[in-house]
C-alpha cells in the first residue's frame, strides 16, 4: 500500500505520462480537423449562396421563387428572398474568416505543444531518427506514427 502511494507521488511530480501527452496532442489535432471540416462546409454553403444570388439577380423581381426554411419549402417573391440571401452570404463570409483565424491559432497551439513535449513524427521530422530510436520511452520523447 505504501509503495503504491510513492509511485503515484513520483508520477504526479514527474508530469504527464507519454500516453497522456499523446492523447492531449491527438485531441488538439482532432479539434483542428473539426474546425477544418466546418470551414469546408461553410465555404460550400457560401458558394451555393453565390450561385443562387447570381441566378436571381437576372430574374424579374416579381417572379415567385421557393426557399427552403427549416425543412419547409416556402413560396416568396425574388425581391423578398434576394436581400436575405445577400445578408446570409455576408454573415457566412464573416464566419469563414473567424474559422480561418481559429484554425491558424489552433495550428500555433499544436506547434507549441509539440515543442513543449518534444513530439516528433516518425519519418517526417527526422528520417534518420526513426532508425536510431525504436521506442519513444528510451529518450523521454513522444513519437507519433
N, C-alpha and C. Protein backbone atom coordinates (compact mmCIF):
# COMPACT_ATOMS: atom_id res chain seq x y z
N UNK A 1 0.81 -1.19 0.00
CA UNK A 1 0.00 0.00 0.00
C UNK A 1 0.85 1.26 0.00
N UNK A 2 1.91 1.26 0.82
CA UNK A 2 2.77 2.44 0.90
C UNK A 2 3.54 2.62 -0.40
N UNK A 3 3.89 1.53 -1.05
CA UNK A 3 4.62 1.65 -2.32
C UNK A 3 3.75 2.22 -3.42
N UNK A 4 2.45 1.90 -3.38
CA UNK A 4 1.53 2.45 -4.38
C UNK A 4 1.44 3.97 -4.28
N UNK A 5 1.38 4.49 -3.07
CA UNK A 5 1.29 5.94 -2.90
C UNK A 5 2.57 6.62 -3.32
N UNK A 6 3.72 5.97 -3.10
CA UNK A 6 5.00 6.54 -3.54
C UNK A 6 5.07 6.59 -5.05
N UNK A 7 4.58 5.54 -5.72
CA UNK A 7 4.57 5.52 -7.17
C UNK A 7 3.70 6.65 -7.71
N UNK A 8 2.55 6.84 -7.08
CA UNK A 8 1.63 7.89 -7.51
C UNK A 8 2.25 9.26 -7.31
N UNK A 9 2.96 9.45 -6.19
CA UNK A 9 3.62 10.72 -5.94
C UNK A 9 4.70 10.99 -6.98
N UNK A 10 5.48 9.99 -7.33
CA UNK A 10 6.51 10.17 -8.34
C UNK A 10 5.90 10.51 -9.70
N UNK A 11 4.82 9.82 -10.01
CA UNK A 11 4.15 10.05 -11.29
C UNK A 11 3.59 11.47 -11.37
N UNK A 12 2.95 11.95 -10.31
CA UNK A 12 2.36 13.28 -10.34
C UNK A 12 3.42 14.37 -10.30
N UNK A 13 4.54 14.12 -9.63
CA UNK A 13 5.59 15.13 -9.58
C UNK A 13 6.38 15.15 -10.88
N UNK A 14 6.45 14.03 -11.56
CA UNK A 14 7.19 13.94 -12.81
C UNK A 14 6.49 14.69 -13.94
N UNK A 15 5.20 14.69 -13.94
CA UNK A 15 4.44 15.34 -15.01
C UNK A 15 3.55 14.34 -15.71
N UNK A 16 3.24 14.65 -16.94
CA UNK A 16 2.36 13.80 -17.72
C UNK A 16 3.10 12.58 -18.28
N UNK A 17 2.38 11.50 -18.39
CA UNK A 17 2.96 10.30 -18.99
C UNK A 17 2.95 10.47 -20.51
N UNK A 18 3.76 9.69 -21.22
CA UNK A 18 3.75 9.79 -22.68
C UNK A 18 2.37 9.56 -23.30
N UNK A 19 1.59 8.66 -22.70
CA UNK A 19 0.24 8.41 -23.21
C UNK A 19 -0.65 9.63 -23.04
N UNK A 20 -0.54 10.29 -21.89
CA UNK A 20 -1.34 11.50 -21.65
C UNK A 20 -0.93 12.62 -22.59
N UNK A 21 0.36 12.74 -22.84
CA UNK A 21 0.85 13.76 -23.77
C UNK A 21 0.32 13.48 -25.17
N UNK A 22 0.40 12.22 -25.58
CA UNK A 22 -0.09 11.83 -26.90
C UNK A 22 -1.59 12.06 -27.03
N UNK A 23 -2.35 11.72 -25.98
CA UNK A 23 -3.79 11.95 -26.01
C UNK A 23 -4.12 13.43 -26.12
N UNK A 24 -3.39 14.27 -25.41
CA UNK A 24 -3.59 15.71 -25.49
C UNK A 24 -3.29 16.23 -26.89
N UNK A 25 -2.22 15.73 -27.48
CA UNK A 25 -1.85 16.14 -28.83
C UNK A 25 -2.90 15.69 -29.84
N UNK A 26 -3.36 14.47 -29.70
CA UNK A 26 -4.38 13.98 -30.63
C UNK A 26 -5.69 14.74 -30.48
N UNK A 27 -6.01 15.17 -29.26
CA UNK A 27 -7.22 15.96 -29.04
C UNK A 27 -7.11 17.31 -29.75
N UNK A 28 -5.93 17.92 -29.66
CA UNK A 28 -5.72 19.20 -30.35
C UNK A 28 -5.86 19.03 -31.87
N UNK A 29 -5.28 17.96 -32.39
CA UNK A 29 -5.38 17.70 -33.83
C UNK A 29 -6.82 17.44 -34.24
N UNK A 30 -7.59 16.73 -33.40
CA UNK A 30 -8.99 16.45 -33.70
C UNK A 30 -9.80 17.75 -33.73
N UNK A 31 -9.52 18.65 -32.79
CA UNK A 31 -10.20 19.94 -32.78
C UNK A 31 -9.90 20.71 -34.06
N UNK A 32 -8.65 20.68 -34.50
CA UNK A 32 -8.30 21.38 -35.73
C UNK A 32 -8.99 20.75 -36.94
N UNK A 33 -9.08 19.43 -36.98
CA UNK A 33 -9.78 18.76 -38.08
C UNK A 33 -11.26 19.12 -38.09
N UNK A 34 -11.88 19.19 -36.90
CA UNK A 34 -13.29 19.57 -36.82
C UNK A 34 -13.50 20.99 -37.34
N UNK A 35 -12.61 21.90 -36.95
CA UNK A 35 -12.71 23.27 -37.45
C UNK A 35 -12.55 23.30 -38.97
N UNK A 36 -11.65 22.51 -39.49
CA UNK A 36 -11.42 22.47 -40.94
C UNK A 36 -12.64 21.92 -41.68
N UNK A 37 -13.27 20.90 -41.11
CA UNK A 37 -14.45 20.35 -41.77
C UNK A 37 -15.61 21.35 -41.74
N UNK A 38 -15.75 22.09 -40.65
CA UNK A 38 -16.77 23.14 -40.58
C UNK A 38 -16.49 24.22 -41.60
N UNK A 39 -15.21 24.59 -41.74
CA UNK A 39 -14.83 25.59 -42.73
C UNK A 39 -15.21 25.14 -44.13
N UNK A 40 -14.94 23.90 -44.45
CA UNK A 40 -15.28 23.36 -45.76
C UNK A 40 -16.79 23.41 -45.99
N UNK A 41 -17.54 23.06 -44.96
CA UNK A 41 -19.00 23.08 -45.05
C UNK A 41 -19.52 24.49 -45.30
N UNK A 42 -18.99 25.48 -44.56
CA UNK A 42 -19.45 26.86 -44.71
C UNK A 42 -19.01 27.45 -46.06
N UNK A 43 -17.85 27.04 -46.56
CA UNK A 43 -17.42 27.51 -47.87
C UNK A 43 -18.33 26.96 -48.97
N UNK A 44 -18.77 25.71 -48.82
CA UNK A 44 -19.72 25.13 -49.78
C UNK A 44 -21.04 25.89 -49.74
N UNK A 45 -21.53 26.20 -48.54
CA UNK A 45 -22.76 26.98 -48.40
C UNK A 45 -22.60 28.36 -49.04
N UNK A 46 -21.44 28.97 -48.85
CA UNK A 46 -21.18 30.28 -49.43
C UNK A 46 -21.21 30.21 -50.96
N UNK A 47 -20.62 29.19 -51.53
CA UNK A 47 -20.63 29.03 -52.99
C UNK A 47 -22.05 28.83 -53.51
N UNK A 48 -22.85 28.07 -52.77
CA UNK A 48 -24.25 27.87 -53.18
C UNK A 48 -25.01 29.19 -53.13
N UNK A 49 -24.78 29.97 -52.07
CA UNK A 49 -25.44 31.27 -51.97
C UNK A 49 -25.05 32.17 -53.14
N UNK A 50 -23.77 32.17 -53.50
CA UNK A 50 -23.30 32.99 -54.62
C UNK A 50 -23.98 32.60 -55.93
N UNK A 51 -24.11 31.29 -56.16
CA UNK A 51 -24.76 30.83 -57.40
C UNK A 51 -26.22 31.25 -57.44
N UNK A 52 -26.93 31.09 -56.32
CA UNK A 52 -28.35 31.44 -56.28
C UNK A 52 -28.52 32.94 -56.45
N UNK A 53 -27.69 33.73 -55.79
CA UNK A 53 -27.78 35.19 -55.91
C UNK A 53 -27.52 35.62 -57.35
N UNK A 54 -26.51 35.04 -57.98
CA UNK A 54 -26.21 35.37 -59.38
C UNK A 54 -27.38 35.02 -60.28
N UNK A 55 -28.04 33.92 -60.01
CA UNK A 55 -29.18 33.50 -60.82
C UNK A 55 -30.38 34.42 -60.59
N UNK A 56 -30.64 34.76 -59.34
CA UNK A 56 -31.82 35.57 -59.03
C UNK A 56 -31.67 37.04 -59.44
N UNK A 57 -30.44 37.52 -59.57
CA UNK A 57 -30.24 38.91 -59.97
C UNK A 57 -30.64 39.14 -61.43
N UNK A 58 -30.67 38.09 -62.21
CA UNK A 58 -31.04 38.20 -63.63
C UNK A 58 -32.52 37.94 -63.87
N UNK A 59 -33.29 37.81 -62.80
CA UNK A 59 -34.69 37.45 -62.91
C UNK A 59 -35.56 38.64 -62.48
N UNK A 60 -36.76 38.70 -63.02
CA UNK A 60 -37.73 39.74 -62.66
C UNK A 60 -38.02 39.67 -61.16
N UNK A 61 -38.05 40.82 -60.49
CA UNK A 61 -38.24 40.86 -59.02
C UNK A 61 -39.59 40.34 -58.57
N UNK A 62 -40.60 40.41 -59.44
CA UNK A 62 -41.95 39.95 -59.05
C UNK A 62 -42.16 38.46 -59.32
N UNK A 63 -41.17 37.83 -59.85
CA UNK A 63 -41.27 36.39 -60.12
C UNK A 63 -41.23 35.63 -58.79
N UNK A 64 -42.01 34.59 -58.72
CA UNK A 64 -42.02 33.81 -57.49
C UNK A 64 -40.89 32.80 -57.49
N UNK A 65 -40.41 32.51 -56.30
CA UNK A 65 -39.37 31.50 -56.14
C UNK A 65 -39.65 30.75 -54.85
N UNK A 66 -38.95 29.67 -54.66
CA UNK A 66 -39.16 28.84 -53.49
C UNK A 66 -37.88 28.80 -52.67
N UNK A 67 -38.07 28.84 -51.37
CA UNK A 67 -36.92 28.83 -50.46
C UNK A 67 -37.19 27.80 -49.37
N UNK A 68 -36.17 27.03 -49.06
CA UNK A 68 -36.27 26.02 -48.02
C UNK A 68 -35.86 26.65 -46.70
N UNK A 69 -36.81 26.74 -45.77
CA UNK A 69 -36.55 27.36 -44.47
C UNK A 69 -36.88 26.33 -43.39
N UNK A 70 -35.84 25.84 -42.72
CA UNK A 70 -36.04 24.88 -41.63
C UNK A 70 -36.77 23.62 -42.06
N UNK A 71 -36.52 23.15 -43.26
CA UNK A 71 -37.16 21.93 -43.74
C UNK A 71 -38.51 22.16 -44.38
N UNK A 72 -38.96 23.42 -44.44
CA UNK A 72 -40.26 23.74 -45.03
C UNK A 72 -40.02 24.58 -46.28
N UNK A 73 -40.62 24.18 -47.39
CA UNK A 73 -40.48 24.91 -48.63
C UNK A 73 -41.49 26.05 -48.65
N UNK A 74 -41.01 27.28 -48.76
CA UNK A 74 -41.88 28.45 -48.73
C UNK A 74 -41.84 29.15 -50.09
N UNK A 75 -42.97 29.73 -50.45
CA UNK A 75 -43.06 30.46 -51.71
C UNK A 75 -42.94 31.95 -51.41
N UNK A 76 -42.03 32.60 -52.09
CA UNK A 76 -41.79 34.03 -51.92
C UNK A 76 -41.57 34.67 -53.29
N UNK A 77 -41.38 35.95 -53.26
CA UNK A 77 -41.00 36.67 -54.48
C UNK A 77 -39.50 36.93 -54.43
N UNK A 78 -38.91 37.07 -55.58
CA UNK A 78 -37.47 37.27 -55.67
C UNK A 78 -37.04 38.50 -54.89
N UNK A 79 -37.85 39.56 -54.96
CA UNK A 79 -37.48 40.79 -54.25
C UNK A 79 -37.44 40.60 -52.74
N UNK A 80 -38.15 39.60 -52.20
CA UNK A 80 -38.12 39.32 -50.77
C UNK A 80 -36.95 38.41 -50.38
N UNK A 81 -36.60 37.50 -51.25
CA UNK A 81 -35.58 36.50 -50.95
C UNK A 81 -34.17 37.02 -51.17
N UNK A 82 -33.97 37.81 -52.22
CA UNK A 82 -32.63 38.26 -52.60
C UNK A 82 -31.90 39.02 -51.49
N UNK A 83 -32.53 40.00 -50.82
CA UNK A 83 -31.81 40.68 -49.73
C UNK A 83 -31.43 39.76 -48.57
N UNK A 84 -32.28 38.80 -48.28
CA UNK A 84 -31.99 37.84 -47.23
C UNK A 84 -30.78 36.98 -47.59
N UNK A 85 -30.74 36.54 -48.84
CA UNK A 85 -29.61 35.73 -49.30
C UNK A 85 -28.31 36.53 -49.27
N UNK A 86 -28.36 37.77 -49.66
CA UNK A 86 -27.16 38.61 -49.63
C UNK A 86 -26.68 38.81 -48.20
N UNK A 87 -27.61 39.04 -47.29
CA UNK A 87 -27.26 39.17 -45.87
C UNK A 87 -26.65 37.90 -45.31
N UNK A 88 -27.23 36.77 -45.66
CA UNK A 88 -26.69 35.48 -45.21
C UNK A 88 -25.30 35.23 -45.77
N UNK A 89 -25.07 35.64 -47.02
CA UNK A 89 -23.75 35.47 -47.63
C UNK A 89 -22.70 36.29 -46.89
N UNK A 90 -23.06 37.50 -46.50
CA UNK A 90 -22.11 38.34 -45.75
C UNK A 90 -21.79 37.71 -44.39
N UNK A 91 -22.80 37.18 -43.73
CA UNK A 91 -22.58 36.52 -42.44
C UNK A 91 -21.70 35.27 -42.61
N UNK A 92 -21.92 34.54 -43.69
CA UNK A 92 -21.09 33.36 -43.96
C UNK A 92 -19.63 33.76 -44.19
N UNK A 93 -19.41 34.85 -44.91
CA UNK A 93 -18.05 35.33 -45.15
C UNK A 93 -17.35 35.68 -43.84
N UNK A 94 -18.08 36.35 -42.94
CA UNK A 94 -17.51 36.70 -41.63
C UNK A 94 -17.19 35.43 -40.84
N UNK A 95 -18.09 34.49 -40.86
CA UNK A 95 -17.90 33.23 -40.14
C UNK A 95 -16.71 32.45 -40.71
N UNK A 96 -16.56 32.46 -42.01
CA UNK A 96 -15.43 31.77 -42.64
C UNK A 96 -14.11 32.40 -42.21
N UNK A 97 -14.07 33.72 -42.15
CA UNK A 97 -12.84 34.40 -41.72
C UNK A 97 -12.51 34.07 -40.27
N UNK A 98 -13.53 34.03 -39.41
CA UNK A 98 -13.30 33.68 -38.00
C UNK A 98 -12.79 32.24 -37.87
N UNK A 99 -13.36 31.34 -38.66
CA UNK A 99 -12.91 29.95 -38.61
C UNK A 99 -11.47 29.82 -39.09
N UNK A 100 -11.09 30.57 -40.12
CA UNK A 100 -9.71 30.53 -40.60
C UNK A 100 -8.75 31.01 -39.51
N UNK A 101 -9.16 32.06 -38.79
CA UNK A 101 -8.33 32.55 -37.68
C UNK A 101 -8.21 31.49 -36.59
N UNK A 102 -9.32 30.84 -36.25
CA UNK A 102 -9.29 29.81 -35.22
C UNK A 102 -8.41 28.63 -35.63
N UNK A 103 -8.47 28.26 -36.90
CA UNK A 103 -7.64 27.15 -37.39
C UNK A 103 -6.17 27.51 -37.29
N UNK A 104 -5.81 28.75 -37.66
CA UNK A 104 -4.40 29.13 -37.57
C UNK A 104 -3.95 29.21 -36.12
N UNK A 105 -4.82 29.70 -35.22
CA UNK A 105 -4.47 29.73 -33.79
C UNK A 105 -4.29 28.32 -33.25
N UNK A 106 -5.14 27.41 -33.68
CA UNK A 106 -5.04 26.02 -33.24
C UNK A 106 -3.74 25.39 -33.77
N UNK A 107 -3.33 25.76 -34.98
CA UNK A 107 -2.07 25.28 -35.52
C UNK A 107 -0.89 25.76 -34.70
N UNK A 108 -0.92 27.02 -34.29
CA UNK A 108 0.14 27.56 -33.44
C UNK A 108 0.15 26.83 -32.10
N UNK A 109 -1.04 26.59 -31.55
CA UNK A 109 -1.15 25.87 -30.27
C UNK A 109 -0.59 24.46 -30.39
N UNK A 110 -0.86 23.79 -31.51
CA UNK A 110 -0.34 22.44 -31.74
C UNK A 110 1.17 22.47 -31.84
N UNK A 111 1.71 23.44 -32.55
CA UNK A 111 3.17 23.54 -32.69
C UNK A 111 3.83 23.82 -31.34
N UNK A 112 3.22 24.69 -30.53
CA UNK A 112 3.77 24.95 -29.20
C UNK A 112 3.73 23.69 -28.34
N UNK A 113 2.66 22.93 -28.43
CA UNK A 113 2.52 21.69 -27.69
C UNK A 113 3.59 20.69 -28.13
N UNK A 114 3.83 20.61 -29.44
CA UNK A 114 4.87 19.72 -29.97
C UNK A 114 6.24 20.10 -29.43
N UNK A 115 6.53 21.40 -29.41
CA UNK A 115 7.83 21.85 -28.92
C UNK A 115 7.96 21.63 -27.41
N UNK A 116 6.88 21.89 -26.69
CA UNK A 116 6.92 21.76 -25.24
C UNK A 116 7.22 20.32 -24.82
N UNK A 117 6.59 19.36 -25.47
CA UNK A 117 6.75 17.96 -25.09
C UNK A 117 7.66 17.19 -26.04
N UNK A 118 8.32 17.89 -26.95
CA UNK A 118 9.28 17.29 -27.86
C UNK A 118 8.66 16.13 -28.64
N UNK A 119 7.53 16.40 -29.28
CA UNK A 119 6.82 15.39 -30.06
C UNK A 119 7.36 15.43 -31.48
N UNK A 120 7.67 14.25 -32.01
CA UNK A 120 8.13 14.18 -33.40
C UNK A 120 7.33 13.11 -34.13
N UNK A 121 7.26 13.25 -35.44
CA UNK A 121 6.54 12.29 -36.27
C UNK A 121 7.54 11.34 -36.90
N UNK A 122 7.26 10.08 -36.83
CA UNK A 122 8.14 9.06 -37.37
C UNK A 122 8.22 9.23 -38.89
N UNK A 123 9.44 9.39 -39.39
CA UNK A 123 9.66 9.51 -40.83
C UNK A 123 9.40 10.88 -41.41
N UNK A 124 8.86 11.80 -40.63
CA UNK A 124 8.54 13.13 -41.14
C UNK A 124 9.53 14.17 -40.66
N UNK A 125 9.76 14.23 -39.35
CA UNK A 125 10.65 15.24 -38.79
C UNK A 125 12.12 14.93 -39.07
N UNK A 126 12.52 13.70 -38.77
CA UNK A 126 13.92 13.33 -38.94
C UNK A 126 13.96 11.86 -39.35
N UNK A 127 14.10 11.56 -40.63
CA UNK A 127 14.06 10.15 -41.07
C UNK A 127 15.14 9.29 -40.43
N UNK A 128 16.30 9.85 -40.13
CA UNK A 128 17.38 9.07 -39.52
C UNK A 128 17.05 8.71 -38.08
N UNK A 129 16.26 9.55 -37.43
CA UNK A 129 15.89 9.29 -36.03
C UNK A 129 15.06 8.02 -35.92
N UNK A 130 14.28 7.71 -36.95
CA UNK A 130 13.44 6.51 -36.93
C UNK A 130 14.30 5.25 -36.81
N UNK A 131 15.43 5.25 -37.46
CA UNK A 131 16.31 4.10 -37.39
C UNK A 131 17.01 4.01 -36.04
N UNK A 132 17.34 5.16 -35.45
CA UNK A 132 18.10 5.18 -34.21
C UNK A 132 17.24 4.90 -32.99
N UNK A 133 16.00 5.39 -33.00
CA UNK A 133 15.15 5.26 -31.82
C UNK A 133 14.04 4.27 -32.13
N UNK A 134 13.99 3.19 -31.35
CA UNK A 134 12.97 2.18 -31.60
C UNK A 134 11.69 2.49 -30.82
N UNK A 135 11.81 3.07 -29.62
CA UNK A 135 10.63 3.44 -28.84
C UNK A 135 10.80 4.84 -28.30
N UNK A 136 9.67 5.47 -27.99
CA UNK A 136 9.71 6.84 -27.50
C UNK A 136 10.22 6.92 -26.07
N UNK A 137 10.03 5.87 -25.28
CA UNK A 137 10.41 5.93 -23.88
C UNK A 137 11.92 5.91 -23.66
N UNK A 138 12.67 5.48 -24.65
CA UNK A 138 14.13 5.42 -24.44
C UNK A 138 14.74 6.80 -24.33
N UNK A 139 14.15 7.80 -24.93
CA UNK A 139 14.71 9.15 -24.87
C UNK A 139 13.79 10.12 -24.12
N UNK A 140 12.65 9.67 -23.69
CA UNK A 140 11.74 10.55 -22.97
C UNK A 140 10.89 11.41 -23.92
N UNK A 141 10.92 11.09 -25.20
CA UNK A 141 10.16 11.84 -26.18
C UNK A 141 8.88 11.07 -26.50
N UNK A 142 7.97 11.77 -27.17
CA UNK A 142 6.77 11.13 -27.66
C UNK A 142 6.89 11.06 -29.16
N UNK A 143 6.73 9.88 -29.71
CA UNK A 143 6.89 9.66 -31.14
C UNK A 143 5.53 9.28 -31.70
N UNK A 144 5.07 10.02 -32.69
CA UNK A 144 3.77 9.78 -33.30
C UNK A 144 3.99 9.13 -34.65
N UNK A 145 3.33 8.00 -34.86
CA UNK A 145 3.49 7.34 -36.17
C UNK A 145 2.26 7.49 -37.01
